[in-house]
Amino acid sequence: MYTRRSFLKQSIATTGLIAWGLNAPRFLTRTAWATPPTGKPGAKDTILVVVQLTGGNDGLNTVVPFADEGYGKLRKELKLPTEQLKKINDQLGLHPSLDGLAGLLQDNALCIVQGVGYPNPDESHFRSMDIWQGASQEKTISEGWLGKALVKLTNAPAFHCAADNEESPLAFDGAPAKVPSLTRLEDFQLKTLASSGPDKSAQRRVIEEAAKLGGGKKPGLLDFVQQTAVNTYASSKRLQELAKNYEPKTPYPATGLANRLKLAAQLIEADLGARVYYVTIDGFDTHANQLQTHANLLREVSDAMTAFFKDLSGRGQRDRVLMMTFSEFGRRARENGSKGTDHGSAAPMFLVGGKVKSGVVGEHPSLTDIPMNKLKHHTDFRQVYAAVLEQWLGVPAKDVLGGDYKAVQVFKA
């Protein structure tokens, strides 16, 4: 018969919590302990998925002002045929590769915010990315906007669904706990100290039996450690089963971004209480021979985001999840001599979800008033962040952004 003493004796074989026989990722202990049961307050809170387009996406060939004669003058080689565009209205069209997102627009699930940037834009990839991720133009940026937001979201973890060897972004710096960078669910296994099959099974039984032990009226440290170990084991086991049995409601394409968004979908399905997910796709620095490269990148983005949205919608999560894209800057208005585009400034952002204000928000930047060949921004990106923070995550925007930024109307009234 198991007692607290026997549980402690059999579990603590070496020093530290590793003696429980667990080597599961650290986030499992935190999320399992903090996550409210399904149906309880906080169990079905809104979720934000940030999609970073690394390298500087060419906004002018993403949301195309085909009716503006200036477009053809600026893009003689890179001009996209009007008949191939996915028409938004009689002035604008989406790139031909954005077929999936065009479908979400028809489904009232895509918001297009035009002309987004910030004052005195920096053309350095690294500096501008830091500005977007830190939501600050201070010389030294040590905290990210999502890290600050997570401080306000009590016991809400976050996940960076990463490519191999990809570091966690600056956007998460300042979070109350380190945000893990995850690549696949299959990595999350309960590991024991025992070497033989029978001994491993015995250690697992110890942990499982511990769940049946009752605590006193005033739980002590042992009760806390015991329950944390049990919850960690349960979460790890649940993720393992999910990795084996997860069947998407719609097929995901075989691309890197789709794999990362599928991982995010699996973690959301596991209901670990996370409120923020972050994924990236690189390659948007299109200085030369842009047409095909850009088309392929936008197709990967569109198809992956569409599959993710349809998968989550099929699981009843249509109105719970919001996706938001951004890039560190747009490209120059006029093409260069290498059939590409150089670093620019303003560009569009996409927001996808069942609660977004579907359609176009803001005017397309002027194609005639382009000082130094750069499109002027009219919406500060922090205005979009303010809307997401205040109206989606429920976090005071001023506390995160360090100033007052009028939220853009990106959600339904």
Protein backbone atom coordinates (compact mmCIF):
# COMPACT_ATOMS: atom_id res chain seq x y z
CA MET A 1 0.00 0.00 0.00
CA TYR A 2 1.35 3.43 -0.98
CA THR A 3 1.82 6.09 1.67
CA ARG A 4 3.27 9.56 1.42
CA ARG A 5 6.48 8.23 2.93
CA SER A 6 6.78 5.38 0.42
CA PHE A 7 5.92 7.74 -2.44
CA LEU A 8 8.62 10.16 -1.36
CA LYS A 9 11.16 7.39 -0.84
CA GLN A 10 10.57 5.77 -4.22
CA SER A 11 10.33 9.03 -6.14
CA ILE A 12 13.27 10.97 -4.72
CA ALA A 13 16.15 8.77 -5.74
CA THR A 14 18.58 11.58 -6.53
CA THR A 15 18.70 15.30 -5.92
CA GLY A 16 16.21 17.81 -7.32
CA LEU A 17 12.87 17.39 -9.02
CA ILE A 18 14.49 15.21 -11.69
CA ALA A 19 14.32 12.50 -9.05
CA TRP A 20 10.64 12.17 -9.72
CA GLY A 21 11.68 10.23 -12.78
CA LEU A 22 10.57 13.09 -15.05
CA ASN A 23 12.55 14.82 -17.74
CA ALA A 24 9.61 16.44 -19.46
CA PRO A 25 9.96 20.00 -20.78
CA ARG A 26 9.80 22.56 -18.00
CA PHE A 27 6.74 24.26 -19.47
CA LEU A 28 4.68 21.12 -18.77
CA THR A 29 5.04 21.50 -15.02
CA ARG A 30 4.08 25.16 -15.17
CA THR A 31 1.17 24.87 -17.57
CA ALA A 32 -0.23 21.71 -16.05
CA TRP A 33 -0.24 23.29 -12.59
CA ALA A 34 -1.73 26.61 -13.75
CA THR A 35 -4.24 25.56 -16.38
CA PRO A 36 -7.88 25.67 -15.30
CA PRO A 37 -10.06 22.71 -16.24
CA THR A 38 -12.06 22.99 -19.44
CA GLY A 39 -15.27 24.86 -18.81
CA LYS A 40 -13.79 26.89 -15.94
CA PRO A 41 -12.96 30.60 -16.27
CA GLY A 42 -9.77 31.02 -18.29
CA ALA A 43 -9.94 27.63 -19.99
CA LYS A 44 -11.29 29.04 -23.25
CA ASP A 45 -9.71 32.48 -23.39
CA THR A 46 -8.83 34.13 -26.66
CA ILE A 47 -5.61 33.09 -28.39
CA LEU A 48 -3.20 35.13 -30.52
CA VAL A 49 -0.98 33.53 -33.17
CA VAL A 50 1.72 35.87 -34.54
CA VAL A 51 3.12 35.06 -38.00
CA GLN A 52 6.43 36.82 -38.65
CA LEU A 53 7.43 37.35 -42.32
CA THR A 54 11.18 37.76 -41.98
CA GLY A 55 13.18 39.80 -44.47
CA GLY A 56 10.82 42.62 -45.42
CA ASN A 57 7.70 41.63 -47.35
CA ASP A 58 6.90 43.56 -50.54
CA GLY A 59 3.52 44.99 -49.61
CA LEU A 60 2.96 46.62 -53.01
CA ASN A 61 2.86 43.21 -54.69
CA THR A 62 0.94 41.64 -51.81
CA VAL A 63 -2.04 43.99 -51.79
CA VAL A 64 -1.94 45.42 -55.31
CA PRO A 65 -3.48 48.81 -56.26
CA PHE A 66 -4.10 47.67 -59.83
CA ALA A 67 -6.39 50.60 -60.68
CA ASP A 68 -3.67 53.14 -59.85
CA GLU A 69 -1.70 54.02 -63.00
CA GLY A 70 1.30 54.66 -60.81
CA TYR A 71 1.59 50.93 -60.12
CA GLY A 72 2.54 50.09 -63.70
CA LYS A 73 4.96 53.01 -63.87
CA LEU A 74 6.79 51.88 -60.76
CA ARG A 75 6.71 48.15 -61.54
CA LYS A 76 7.48 47.62 -65.21
CA GLU A 77 9.08 44.18 -64.66
CA LEU A 78 7.30 43.23 -61.46
CA LYS A 79 3.79 44.37 -62.38
CA LEU A 80 1.31 41.55 -61.73
CA PRO A 81 -1.34 40.97 -64.42
CA THR A 82 -4.65 42.42 -63.28
CA GLU A 83 -6.62 39.43 -64.52
CA GLN A 84 -4.61 37.11 -62.25
CA LEU A 85 -5.20 39.07 -59.04
CA LYS A 86 -7.69 38.01 -56.39
CA LYS A 87 -9.96 41.05 -56.46
CA ILE A 88 -10.78 42.73 -53.16
CA ASN A 89 -12.70 45.58 -54.75
CA ASP A 90 -12.48 47.69 -57.92
CA GLN A 91 -9.21 49.24 -56.74
CA LEU A 92 -7.27 46.49 -54.97
CA GLY A 93 -6.39 42.84 -55.47
CA LEU A 94 -4.47 40.19 -53.58
CA HIS A 95 -1.43 38.52 -55.10
CA PRO A 96 -2.42 35.49 -57.23
CA SER A 97 -0.71 33.17 -54.72
CA LEU A 98 -3.00 34.34 -51.90
CA ASP A 99 -5.91 32.20 -53.05
CA GLY A 100 -6.49 30.77 -49.57
CA LEU A 101 -6.58 34.17 -47.90
CA ALA A 102 -8.88 35.42 -50.66
CA GLY A 103 -11.25 32.62 -49.67
CA LEU A 104 -11.08 33.73 -46.04
CA LEU A 105 -11.96 37.25 -47.17
CA GLN A 106 -15.10 35.83 -48.78
CA ASP A 107 -15.72 34.00 -45.51
CA ASN A 108 -15.55 37.31 -43.61
CA ALA A 109 -12.46 36.17 -41.74
CA LEU A 110 -9.68 38.37 -43.19
CA CYS A 111 -8.85 41.95 -42.19
CA ILE A 112 -6.29 43.83 -44.30
CA VAL A 113 -4.68 46.82 -42.57
CA GLN A 114 -2.95 49.00 -45.16
CA GLY A 115 -0.06 51.44 -44.85
CA VAL A 116 1.37 50.17 -41.56
CA GLY A 117 4.79 51.32 -40.35
CA TYR A 118 6.36 53.75 -37.88
CA PRO A 119 7.97 57.24 -37.96
CA ASN A 120 11.52 57.59 -39.28
CA PRO A 121 11.71 53.96 -40.44
CA ASP A 122 15.00 52.11 -40.08
CA GLU A 123 16.17 50.05 -43.06
CA SER A 124 18.28 47.64 -41.02
CA HIS A 125 16.68 44.21 -40.77
CA PHE A 126 17.90 43.74 -37.22
CA ARG A 127 17.07 47.19 -35.88
CA SER A 128 13.65 47.35 -37.51
CA MET A 129 12.76 43.85 -36.34
CA ASP A 130 13.74 44.84 -32.81
CA ILE A 131 11.46 47.89 -33.06
CA TRP A 132 8.50 45.76 -34.15
CA GLN A 133 9.16 43.06 -31.56
CA GLY A 134 9.85 45.52 -28.75
CA ALA A 135 7.10 47.95 -29.83
CA SER A 136 9.62 50.67 -29.10
CA GLN A 137 12.03 52.99 -30.90
CA GLU A 138 14.30 53.41 -27.90
CA LYS A 139 18.01 52.88 -28.65
CA THR A 140 18.18 49.93 -26.28
CA ILE A 141 15.29 47.44 -26.30
CA SER A 142 15.44 44.74 -23.64
CA GLU A 143 11.79 43.65 -23.44
CA GLY A 144 9.32 42.47 -26.05
CA TRP A 145 5.71 43.55 -26.40
CA LEU A 146 4.44 40.00 -25.91
CA GLY A 147 6.69 39.44 -22.91
CA LYS A 148 5.19 42.53 -21.27
CA ALA A 149 1.70 41.35 -22.18
CA LEU A 150 2.32 37.95 -20.62
CA VAL A 151 3.16 39.65 -17.32
CA LYS A 152 -0.43 40.91 -17.30
CA LEU A 153 -1.89 37.53 -18.30
CA THR A 154 -1.80 35.61 -15.02
CA ASN A 155 -0.52 32.03 -15.38
CA ALA A 156 -0.87 32.13 -19.18
CA PRO A 157 2.06 30.46 -20.92
CA ALA A 158 3.12 31.02 -24.51
CA PHE A 159 4.82 28.91 -27.17
CA HIS A 160 7.30 29.63 -29.93
CA CYS A 161 6.61 26.99 -32.59
CA ALA A 162 10.04 27.05 -34.13
CA ALA A 163 12.03 25.77 -37.04
CA ASP A 164 15.06 23.66 -36.12
CA ASN A 165 17.67 25.70 -34.21
CA GLU A 166 15.51 28.83 -34.27
CA GLU A 167 15.89 31.02 -31.20
CA SER A 168 13.01 32.48 -29.25
CA PRO A 169 12.18 35.99 -30.52
CA LEU A 170 12.85 39.24 -28.68
CA ALA A 171 9.07 39.74 -28.63
CA PHE A 172 8.91 37.32 -25.65
CA ASP A 173 11.72 38.89 -23.60
CA GLY A 174 10.48 40.14 -20.25
CA ALA A 175 7.90 37.37 -19.87
CA PRO A 176 7.45 36.07 -16.31
CA ALA A 177 8.79 32.66 -17.41
CA LYS A 178 10.97 31.63 -20.33
CA VAL A 179 8.91 30.89 -23.41
CA PRO A 180 9.95 27.52 -24.86
CA SER A 181 10.82 27.06 -28.52
CA LEU A 182 9.17 23.83 -29.64
CA THR A 183 9.57 21.92 -32.91
CA ARG A 184 7.38 18.81 -32.58
CA LEU A 185 5.11 17.07 -30.08
CA GLU A 186 6.99 13.80 -30.47
CA ASP A 187 9.85 15.26 -28.43
CA PHE A 188 7.69 15.45 -25.30
CA GLN A 189 8.11 12.14 -23.55
CA LEU A 190 8.04 11.03 -19.95
CA LYS A 191 11.58 9.86 -19.23
CA THR A 192 12.52 7.78 -16.22
CA LEU A 193 15.80 7.16 -14.47
CA ALA A 194 15.40 3.40 -14.67
CA SER A 195 17.19 1.45 -17.40
CA SER A 196 15.05 -1.67 -17.74
CA GLY A 197 11.50 -1.96 -19.03
CA PRO A 198 10.06 -3.36 -15.78
CA ASP A 199 11.74 -0.63 -13.70
CA LYS A 200 10.44 2.11 -16.01
CA SER A 201 6.94 0.71 -15.71
CA ALA A 202 7.30 0.61 -11.93
CA GLN A 203 8.34 4.26 -11.80
CA ARG A 204 5.38 5.25 -13.96
CA ARG A 205 3.07 3.32 -11.62
CA VAL A 206 4.50 5.22 -8.65
CA ILE A 207 3.59 8.52 -10.28
CA GLU A 208 0.14 7.30 -11.31
CA GLU A 209 -0.59 5.89 -7.86
CA ALA A 210 0.46 9.20 -6.33
CA ALA A 211 -2.55 10.82 -7.93
CA LYS A 212 -4.77 8.67 -5.74
CA LEU A 213 -3.20 9.80 -2.49
CA GLY A 214 -5.26 12.26 -0.50
CA GLY A 215 -3.83 15.40 1.06
CA GLY A 216 -4.45 16.96 4.41
CA LYS A 217 -6.49 20.05 5.14
CA LYS A 218 -3.34 22.19 4.85
CA PRO A 219 -1.34 20.96 1.85
CA GLY A 220 2.39 21.25 2.30
CA LEU A 221 5.38 21.25 -0.01
CA LEU A 222 5.17 17.52 -0.60
CA ASP A 223 1.56 17.85 -1.78
CA PHE A 224 2.59 20.59 -4.20
CA VAL A 225 5.56 18.66 -5.61
CA GLN A 226 3.51 15.47 -5.77
CA GLN A 227 0.66 17.13 -7.68
CA THR A 228 3.07 18.98 -9.99
CA ALA A 229 4.75 15.70 -10.89
CA VAL A 230 1.41 14.04 -11.52
CA ASN A 231 0.17 16.94 -13.63
CA THR A 232 3.41 16.97 -15.60
CA TYR A 233 3.06 13.28 -16.29
CA ALA A 234 -0.56 13.69 -17.36
CA SER A 235 0.27 16.60 -19.67
CA SER A 236 3.22 14.79 -21.25
CA LYS A 237 1.11 11.68 -21.77
CA ARG A 238 -1.72 13.74 -23.26
CA LEU A 239 0.64 15.43 -25.72
CA GLN A 240 2.09 12.08 -26.74
CA GLU A 241 -1.36 10.71 -27.49
CA LEU A 242 -2.28 13.87 -29.36
CA ALA A 243 0.85 13.63 -31.51
CA LYS A 244 -0.12 10.09 -32.51
CA ASN A 245 -3.83 10.61 -33.04
CA TYR A 246 -4.26 14.21 -34.19
CA GLU A 247 -6.32 14.31 -37.37
CA PRO A 248 -6.64 17.81 -38.88
CA LYS A 249 -10.09 18.89 -39.99
CA THR A 250 -8.47 19.98 -43.26
CA PRO A 251 -5.16 18.87 -44.82
CA TYR A 252 -2.04 20.92 -44.07
CA PRO A 253 0.41 21.46 -46.95
CA ALA A 254 3.84 19.87 -46.60
CA THR A 255 5.70 23.10 -45.84
CA GLY A 256 7.71 24.41 -42.92
CA LEU A 257 5.23 27.10 -41.93
CA ALA A 258 2.31 24.69 -42.18
CA ASN A 259 4.13 22.25 -39.90
CA ARG A 260 4.70 24.96 -37.32
CA LEU A 261 1.09 26.11 -37.44
CA LYS A 262 -0.06 22.50 -37.17
CA LEU A 263 2.04 22.20 -34.01
CA ALA A 264 0.31 25.31 -32.68
CA ALA A 265 -3.06 23.73 -33.49
CA GLN A 266 -2.09 20.57 -31.60
CA LEU A 267 -1.02 22.57 -28.56
CA ILE A 268 -4.26 24.53 -28.64
CA GLU A 269 -6.18 21.27 -28.84
CA ALA A 270 -4.21 20.03 -25.80
CA ASP A 271 -5.70 22.99 -23.90
CA LEU A 272 -2.62 23.81 -21.84
CA GLY A 273 -3.85 27.34 -21.21
CA ALA A 274 -1.49 29.17 -23.58
CA ARG A 275 -2.70 32.53 -24.90
CA VAL A 276 0.09 33.40 -27.37
CA TYR A 277 1.83 31.44 -30.14
CA TYR A 278 4.59 32.65 -32.45
CA VAL A 279 5.75 31.30 -35.81
CA THR A 280 8.09 32.65 -38.48
CA ILE A 281 8.84 32.22 -42.18
CA ASP A 282 12.05 33.61 -43.66
CA GLY A 283 13.12 34.60 -47.18
CA PHE A 284 11.32 37.89 -47.90
CA ASP A 285 14.49 39.90 -48.60
CA THR A 286 13.83 39.90 -52.36
CA HIS A 287 16.49 42.18 -53.85
CA ALA A 288 16.71 40.26 -57.13
CA ASN A 289 14.51 38.06 -59.34
CA GLN A 290 11.62 38.60 -56.99
CA LEU A 291 8.58 37.40 -58.91
CA GLN A 292 8.81 33.64 -58.44
CA THR A 293 10.41 33.73 -55.00
CA HIS A 294 7.76 36.09 -53.68
CA ALA A 295 4.97 34.08 -55.25
CA ASN A 296 6.22 30.90 -53.56
CA LEU A 297 6.56 32.59 -50.18
CA LEU A 298 3.10 34.12 -50.28
CA ARG A 299 1.60 30.79 -51.35
CA GLU A 300 3.23 29.09 -48.35
CA VAL A 301 1.91 31.78 -46.01
CA SER A 302 -1.60 31.73 -47.48
CA ASP A 303 -2.00 27.97 -47.68
CA ALA A 304 -0.60 27.38 -44.18
CA MET A 305 -2.71 30.08 -42.51
CA THR A 306 -5.82 28.93 -44.34
CA ALA A 307 -5.32 25.30 -43.32
CA PHE A 308 -4.74 26.34 -39.70
CA PHE A 309 -7.87 28.50 -39.63
CA LYS A 310 -10.04 25.81 -41.20
CA ASP A 311 -8.64 23.16 -38.87
CA LEU A 312 -9.35 25.25 -35.76
CA SER A 313 -12.74 26.33 -37.11
CA GLY A 314 -13.66 22.69 -37.55
CA ARG A 315 -12.89 22.20 -33.85
CA GLY A 316 -15.21 25.00 -32.77
CA GLN A 317 -12.38 27.51 -32.30
CA ARG A 318 -13.24 29.91 -35.16
CA ASP A 319 -14.01 32.83 -32.87
CA ARG A 320 -11.35 32.05 -30.28
CA VAL A 321 -8.17 32.27 -32.37
CA LEU A 322 -6.68 35.34 -34.07
CA MET A 323 -3.72 35.23 -36.48
CA MET A 324 -1.70 38.37 -37.19
CA THR A 325 1.09 38.82 -39.74
CA PHE A 326 3.86 41.40 -39.76
CA SER A 327 7.21 42.04 -41.41
CA GLU A 328 10.00 44.37 -40.29
CA PHE A 329 9.37 46.68 -43.25
CA GLY A 330 7.99 46.75 -46.76
CA ARG A 331 9.95 47.26 -49.98
CA ARG A 332 10.66 50.32 -52.12
CA ALA A 333 7.87 51.50 -54.38
CA ARG A 334 10.01 51.45 -57.53
CA GLU A 335 11.64 48.17 -58.58
CA ASN A 336 15.42 48.03 -58.84
CA GLY A 337 17.57 47.03 -61.81
CA SER A 338 17.78 43.39 -60.70
CA LYS A 339 14.07 42.63 -61.06
CA GLY A 340 13.69 42.94 -57.32
CA THR A 341 12.96 45.54 -54.66
CA ASP A 342 15.06 47.15 -51.96
CA HIS A 343 14.27 47.91 -48.32
CA GLY A 344 11.30 50.22 -47.85
CA SER A 345 8.83 51.19 -45.17
CA ALA A 346 5.02 50.90 -45.10
CA ALA A 347 3.31 47.58 -45.83
CA PRO A 348 0.02 45.79 -45.06
CA MET A 349 -0.73 43.51 -42.12
CA PHE A 350 -3.21 40.62 -42.23
CA LEU A 351 -5.45 39.56 -39.36
CA VAL A 352 -7.40 36.31 -39.65
CA GLY A 353 -10.20 35.16 -37.34
CA GLY A 354 -13.91 34.86 -36.87
CA LYS A 355 -14.12 38.13 -34.96
CA VAL A 356 -12.13 40.43 -37.27
CA LYS A 357 -13.63 43.30 -39.23
CA SER A 358 -13.38 41.67 -42.63
CA GLY A 359 -12.14 43.74 -45.54
CA VAL A 360 -9.74 46.65 -45.98
CA VAL A 361 -8.86 49.04 -43.16
CA GLY A 362 -7.18 52.31 -44.19
CA GLU A 363 -6.22 53.75 -47.56
CA HIS A 364 -3.47 52.33 -49.72
CA PRO A 365 -0.33 54.50 -49.51
CA SER A 366 0.11 57.08 -52.26
CA LEU A 367 2.11 56.00 -55.31
CA THR A 368 3.02 59.58 -56.20
CA ASP A 369 4.00 61.02 -52.82
CA ILE A 370 6.92 58.66 -52.26
CA PRO A 371 9.92 60.49 -50.79
CA MET A 372 13.15 58.56 -51.35
CA ASN A 373 11.07 55.93 -53.16
CA LYS A 374 9.41 54.84 -49.90
CA LEU A 375 5.70 54.36 -49.34
CA LYS A 376 4.44 56.57 -46.53
CA HIS A 377 2.79 54.89 -43.58
CA HIS A 378 -0.42 56.32 -42.12
CA THR A 379 -1.00 53.72 -39.38
CA ASP A 380 1.56 53.10 -36.65
CA PHE A 381 1.96 49.37 -36.06
CA ARG A 382 1.47 50.02 -32.36
CA GLN A 383 -2.09 51.08 -33.16
CA VAL A 384 -2.69 47.53 -34.41
CA TYR A 385 -0.95 46.13 -31.33
CA ALA A 386 -3.14 48.34 -29.15
CA ALA A 387 -6.28 46.82 -30.67
CA VAL A 388 -4.96 43.29 -30.19
CA LEU A 389 -3.87 43.95 -26.61
CA GLU A 390 -6.96 45.81 -25.44
CA GLN A 391 -9.72 44.16 -27.43
CA TRP A 392 -8.39 40.63 -27.86
CA LEU A 393 -6.01 39.74 -25.03
CA GLY A 394 -7.59 42.07 -22.49
CA VAL A 395 -4.31 43.76 -21.56
CA PRO A 396 -3.95 47.53 -20.99
CA ALA A 397 -2.10 48.67 -24.10
CA LYS A 398 -0.40 51.66 -22.47
CA ASP A 399 1.31 49.38 -19.95
CA VAL A 400 2.86 47.42 -22.80
CA LEU A 401 3.45 50.09 -25.45
CA GLY A 402 4.63 52.83 -23.12
CA GLY A 403 2.35 55.44 -24.68
CA ASP A 404 -1.11 56.17 -25.95
CA TYR A 405 -1.80 54.68 -29.39
CA LYS A 406 -5.31 54.87 -30.77
CA ALA A 407 -6.44 51.34 -31.56
CA VAL A 408 -7.27 50.61 -35.18
CA GLN A 409 -10.74 49.17 -35.70
CA VAL A 410 -9.81 45.65 -36.75
CA PHE A 411 -12.57 43.78 -34.88
CA LYS A 412 -16.28 43.62 -35.42
CA ALA A 413 -18.28 46.12 -33.41
